[in-house]
Amino acid sequence: MSITFEVSTKNFTDDKLAMKIAMSQMETLVGGANGYAFSEPYDKFGWTFFKMAIKGDLQDAIERKFADMFAKYRGNNPDEKFTDFLTDYFGSKGCLVKLKIVKP
């Protein structure tokens, strides 16, 4: 099952490029391909918003590869831990975005 995030940024062009590079690197690390997609952006209140969907197989591969790191995150819900992990991962790549899980 896939997970979808609403991504918010104040620097859309740079952050989206940084996210694409970071996700490509992540796919290489876990042996995935074509495991994510971005929606069209929209602006509101000085922020740019768009959705990022991650396929279940890529999410599972990331969780397996970085299980030791996931164990250190607070929260009971695995999706919350995944969100926190991705936020930190993007931040380490110079991409300052906020992620929010979009419920189906």
C-alpha atoms as a PDB file:
ATOM      1  CA  MET A   1       0.000   0.000   0.000  1.00  0.00           C
ATOM      2  CA  SER A   2       1.344   3.428  -0.838  1.00  0.00           C
ATOM      3  CA  ILE A   3       1.650   6.438   1.433  1.00  0.00           C
ATOM      4  CA  THR A   4       0.934  10.000   0.309  1.00  0.00           C
ATOM      5  CA  PHE A   5       2.324  13.177   1.841  1.00  0.00           C
ATOM      6  CA  GLU A   6       1.342  16.790   1.439  1.00  0.00           C
ATOM      7  CA  VAL A   7       4.629  18.640   1.064  1.00  0.00           C
ATOM      8  CA  SER A   8       4.878  22.324   1.934  1.00  0.00           C
ATOM      9  CA  THR A   9       7.791  24.577   1.064  1.00  0.00           C
ATOM     10  CA  LYS A  10       8.668  28.227   0.685  1.00  0.00           C
ATOM     11  CA  ASN A  11      11.324  27.490  -1.950  1.00  0.00           C
ATOM     12  CA  PHE A  12       9.580  25.163  -4.393  1.00  0.00           C
ATOM     13  CA  THR A  13      12.099  25.070  -7.236  1.00  0.00           C
ATOM     14  CA  ASP A  14      15.155  24.292  -5.114  1.00  0.00           C
ATOM     15  CA  ASP A  15      13.375  21.990  -2.667  1.00  0.00           C
ATOM     16  CA  LYS A  16      11.665  19.906  -5.345  1.00  0.00           C
ATOM     17  CA  LEU A  17      14.986  19.389  -7.137  1.00  0.00           C
ATOM     18  CA  ALA A  18      16.666  18.463  -3.839  1.00  0.00           C
ATOM     19  CA  MET A  19      13.824  16.032  -3.070  1.00  0.00           C
ATOM     20  CA  LYS A  20      14.141  14.365  -6.481  1.00  0.00           C
ATOM     21  CA  ILE A  21      17.886  13.933  -6.010  1.00  0.00           C
ATOM     22  CA  ALA A  22      17.419  12.642  -2.446  1.00  0.00           C
ATOM     23  CA  MET A  23      14.721  10.165  -3.494  1.00  0.00           C
ATOM     24  CA  SER A  24      16.844   8.927  -6.408  1.00  0.00           C
ATOM     25  CA  GLN A  25      19.732   8.361  -4.001  1.00  0.00           C
ATOM     26  CA  MET A  26      17.390   6.557  -1.601  1.00  0.00           C
ATOM     27  CA  GLU A  27      16.111   4.307  -4.384  1.00  0.00           C
ATOM     28  CA  THR A  28      19.703   3.444  -5.275  1.00  0.00           C
ATOM     29  CA  LEU A  29      20.487   2.620  -1.627  1.00  0.00           C
ATOM     30  CA  VAL A  30      17.529   0.258  -1.262  1.00  0.00           C
ATOM     31  CA  GLY A  31      17.505  -1.145  -4.805  1.00  0.00           C
ATOM     32  CA  GLY A  32      14.215   0.444  -5.853  1.00  0.00           C
ATOM     33  CA  ALA A  33      13.063   2.201  -9.003  1.00  0.00           C
ATOM     34  CA  ASN A  34      10.084   4.380  -9.929  1.00  0.00           C
ATOM     35  CA  GLY A  35       8.819   4.195  -6.359  1.00  0.00           C
ATOM     36  CA  TYR A  36       7.588   7.758  -5.936  1.00  0.00           C
ATOM     37  CA  ALA A  37       5.665  10.474  -7.778  1.00  0.00           C
ATOM     38  CA  PHE A  38       4.955  14.190  -7.348  1.00  0.00           C
ATOM     39  CA  SER A  39       1.690  16.003  -8.095  1.00  0.00           C
ATOM     40  CA  GLU A  40       1.314  19.446  -9.614  1.00  0.00           C
ATOM     41  CA  PRO A  41       2.032  22.272  -7.135  1.00  0.00           C
ATOM     42  CA  TYR A  42      -0.294  25.013  -5.955  1.00  0.00           C
ATOM     43  CA  ASP A  43       0.444  28.212  -4.020  1.00  0.00           C
ATOM     44  CA  LYS A  44      -1.299  29.456  -0.907  1.00  0.00           C
ATOM     45  CA  PHE A  45      -0.298  32.046   1.720  1.00  0.00           C
ATOM     46  CA  GLY A  46       3.283  32.304   0.438  1.00  0.00           C
ATOM     47  CA  TRP A  47       3.815  28.536   0.562  1.00  0.00           C
ATOM     48  CA  THR A  48       3.841  26.026  -2.265  1.00  0.00           C
ATOM     49  CA  PHE A  49       2.085  22.712  -1.693  1.00  0.00           C
ATOM     50  CA  PHE A  50       2.213  19.473  -3.642  1.00  0.00           C
ATOM     51  CA  LYS A  51       1.724  15.797  -2.973  1.00  0.00           C
ATOM     52  CA  MET A  52       4.355  13.091  -2.986  1.00  0.00           C
ATOM     53  CA  ALA A  53       3.238   9.461  -3.195  1.00  0.00           C
ATOM     54  CA  ILE A  54       5.596   6.656  -2.226  1.00  0.00           C
ATOM     55  CA  LYS A  55       4.773   3.133  -3.348  1.00  0.00           C
ATOM     56  CA  GLY A  56       4.500   0.464  -0.687  1.00  0.00           C
ATOM     57  CA  ASP A  57       7.455  -1.564  -1.944  1.00  0.00           C
ATOM     58  CA  LEU A  58       9.780   1.442  -1.705  1.00  0.00           C
ATOM     59  CA  GLN A  59       8.458   2.312   1.749  1.00  0.00           C
ATOM     60  CA  ASP A  60       9.020  -1.282   2.909  1.00  0.00           C
ATOM     61  CA  ALA A  61      12.554  -1.324   1.485  1.00  0.00           C
ATOM     62  CA  ILE A  62      13.412   1.961   3.240  1.00  0.00           C
ATOM     63  CA  GLU A  63      11.983   0.710   6.545  1.00  0.00           C
ATOM     64  CA  ARG A  64      13.995  -2.529   6.293  1.00  0.00           C
ATOM     65  CA  LYS A  65      17.246  -0.795   5.309  1.00  0.00           C
ATOM     66  CA  PHE A  66      17.010   1.794   8.094  1.00  0.00           C
ATOM     67  CA  ALA A  67      15.231  -0.289  10.769  1.00  0.00           C
ATOM     68  CA  ASP A  68      17.785   0.700  13.421  1.00  0.00           C
ATOM     69  CA  MET A  69      17.097   4.390  12.788  1.00  0.00           C
ATOM     70  CA  PHE A  70      13.315   3.909  12.767  1.00  0.00           C
ATOM     71  CA  ALA A  71      13.543   2.278  16.196  1.00  0.00           C
ATOM     72  CA  LYS A  72      14.928   5.541  17.625  1.00  0.00           C
ATOM     73  CA  TYR A  73      12.004   7.707  16.504  1.00  0.00           C
ATOM     74  CA  ARG A  74       9.218   8.413  18.952  1.00  0.00           C
ATOM     75  CA  GLY A  75       5.650   7.584  18.178  1.00  0.00           C
ATOM     76  CA  ASN A  76       3.563   4.463  18.080  1.00  0.00           C
ATOM     77  CA  ASN A  77       2.450   4.677  14.481  1.00  0.00           C
ATOM     78  CA  PRO A  78       4.910   3.369  11.838  1.00  0.00           C
ATOM     79  CA  ASP A  79       3.654   6.003   9.375  1.00  0.00           C
ATOM     80  CA  GLU A  80       4.571   8.776  11.842  1.00  0.00           C
ATOM     81  CA  LYS A  81       8.065   7.311  12.211  1.00  0.00           C
ATOM     82  CA  PHE A  82       8.372   7.133   8.417  1.00  0.00           C
ATOM     83  CA  THR A  83       7.284  10.780   8.143  1.00  0.00           C
ATOM     84  CA  ASP A  84       9.834  11.883  10.748  1.00  0.00           C
ATOM     85  CA  PHE A  85      12.558   9.838   9.053  1.00  0.00           C
ATOM     86  CA  LEU A  86      11.851  11.371   5.632  1.00  0.00           C
ATOM     87  CA  THR A  87      11.690  14.894   7.080  1.00  0.00           C
ATOM     88  CA  ASP A  88      15.106  14.386   8.681  1.00  0.00           C
ATOM     89  CA  TYR A  89      16.471  12.736   5.528  1.00  0.00           C
ATOM     90  CA  PHE A  90      15.359  15.613   3.319  1.00  0.00           C
ATOM     91  CA  GLY A  91      16.743  18.107   5.854  1.00  0.00           C
ATOM     92  CA  SER A  92      20.133  16.382   5.725  1.00  0.00           C
ATOM     93  CA  LYS A  93      20.085  16.926   1.957  1.00  0.00           C
ATOM     94  CA  GLY A  94      19.445  20.667   2.342  1.00  0.00           C
ATOM     95  CA  CYS A  95      15.739  20.396   1.618  1.00  0.00           C
ATOM     96  CA  LEU A  96      13.668  22.233   4.218  1.00  0.00           C
ATOM     97  CA  VAL A  97      10.147  20.960   3.681  1.00  0.00           C
ATOM     98  CA  LYS A  98       7.274  20.002   5.935  1.00  0.00           C
ATOM     99  CA  LEU A  99       5.539  16.675   5.406  1.00  0.00           C
ATOM    100  CA  LYS A 100       2.015  15.756   6.413  1.00  0.00           C
ATOM    101  CA  ILE A 101       0.409  12.377   5.782  1.00  0.00           C
ATOM    102  CA  VAL A 102      -2.667  12.567   3.565  1.00  0.00           C
ATOM    103  CA  LYS A 103      -5.269  10.050   4.668  1.00  0.00           C
ATOM    104  CA  PRO A 104      -7.080   8.213   1.855  1.00  0.00           C
END
